[in-house]
Amino acid sequence: MGGYIRKTHDVWELVTNYGYGEEVECSYDSKKEAKADYAVYRKEKRSGFLPSLLSVSLRKRRVPNV
């Protein structure tokens, strides 16, 4: 008898808000890649390169396997 097979997989989304509502900038299959880009966005915001960026966050979604 086989093991458990997930019916979904995780997708990480980088979500930004520039004052017009939330927008998904990028989607990732890897949490490591998503966290790396998230860190870059936060660093650039602190440095002043993205003055209109109000917020940036990571969101995990589970999407069905096709």
Protein backbone atom coordinates (compact mmCIF):
# COMPACT_ATOMS: atom_id res chain seq x y z
CA MET A 1 0.00 0.00 0.00
CA GLY A 2 1.33 3.47 -0.93
CA GLY A 3 1.92 6.43 1.33
CA TYR A 4 0.00 9.63 1.59
CA ILE A 5 0.01 11.87 -1.50
CA ARG A 6 -0.82 15.54 -1.00
CA LYS A 7 -3.57 16.98 -3.17
CA THR A 8 -2.06 20.47 -2.94
CA HIS A 9 1.34 22.14 -3.05
CA ASP A 10 2.57 25.34 -1.40
CA VAL A 11 3.10 28.54 -3.36
CA TRP A 12 4.73 31.58 -1.74
CA GLU A 13 3.66 35.04 -2.91
CA LEU A 14 5.47 38.34 -2.42
CA VAL A 15 2.71 40.90 -1.78
CA THR A 16 3.30 44.67 -1.97
CA ASN A 17 1.12 47.71 -1.34
CA TYR A 18 2.01 50.99 -3.03
CA GLY A 19 -1.15 52.77 -1.87
CA TYR A 20 -3.53 51.28 -4.44
CA GLY A 21 -4.23 48.00 -2.65
CA GLU A 22 -2.30 44.77 -2.36
CA GLU A 23 -0.65 43.32 -5.43
CA VAL A 24 1.21 40.03 -5.91
CA GLU A 25 4.66 40.88 -7.29
CA CYS A 26 6.02 37.34 -7.67
CA SER A 27 5.12 33.73 -6.92
CA TYR A 28 7.63 31.11 -5.77
CA ASP A 29 7.63 27.37 -5.27
CA SER A 30 10.53 27.67 -2.83
CA LYS A 31 10.26 29.35 0.57
CA LYS A 32 13.99 30.06 0.49
CA GLU A 33 13.73 32.09 -2.74
CA ALA A 34 10.69 33.98 -1.45
CA LYS A 35 12.41 34.93 1.80
CA ALA A 36 15.49 36.12 -0.09
CA ASP A 37 13.46 38.47 -2.32
CA TYR A 38 11.42 39.62 0.69
CA ALA A 39 14.64 40.61 2.44
CA VAL A 40 15.76 42.57 -0.65
CA TYR A 41 12.47 44.51 -0.77
CA ARG A 42 12.71 45.35 2.95
CA LYS A 43 16.34 46.45 2.61
CA GLU A 44 15.54 48.70 -0.38
CA LYS A 45 12.57 50.23 1.46
CA ARG A 46 14.74 51.03 4.50
CA SER A 47 17.42 52.52 2.21
CA GLY A 48 14.87 54.85 0.59
CA PHE A 49 14.86 53.33 -2.91
CA LEU A 50 11.13 52.52 -2.70
CA PRO A 51 9.56 55.61 -1.07
CA SER A 52 6.00 54.87 -2.23
CA LEU A 53 6.04 51.27 -0.90
CA LEU A 54 3.71 51.15 2.11
CA SER A 55 4.06 47.47 2.98
CA VAL A 56 5.58 44.22 1.79
CA SER A 57 4.71 40.74 3.03
CA LEU A 58 4.91 37.04 2.23
CA ARG A 59 1.80 34.93 1.82
CA LYS A 60 1.63 31.13 1.61
CA ARG A 61 -1.13 29.62 -0.50
CA ARG A 62 -1.98 26.01 -1.12
CA VAL A 63 -2.98 25.30 -4.69
CA PRO A 64 -4.35 22.05 -6.08
CA ASN A 65 -1.99 19.72 -7.92
CA VAL A 66 -2.81 19.43 -11.58
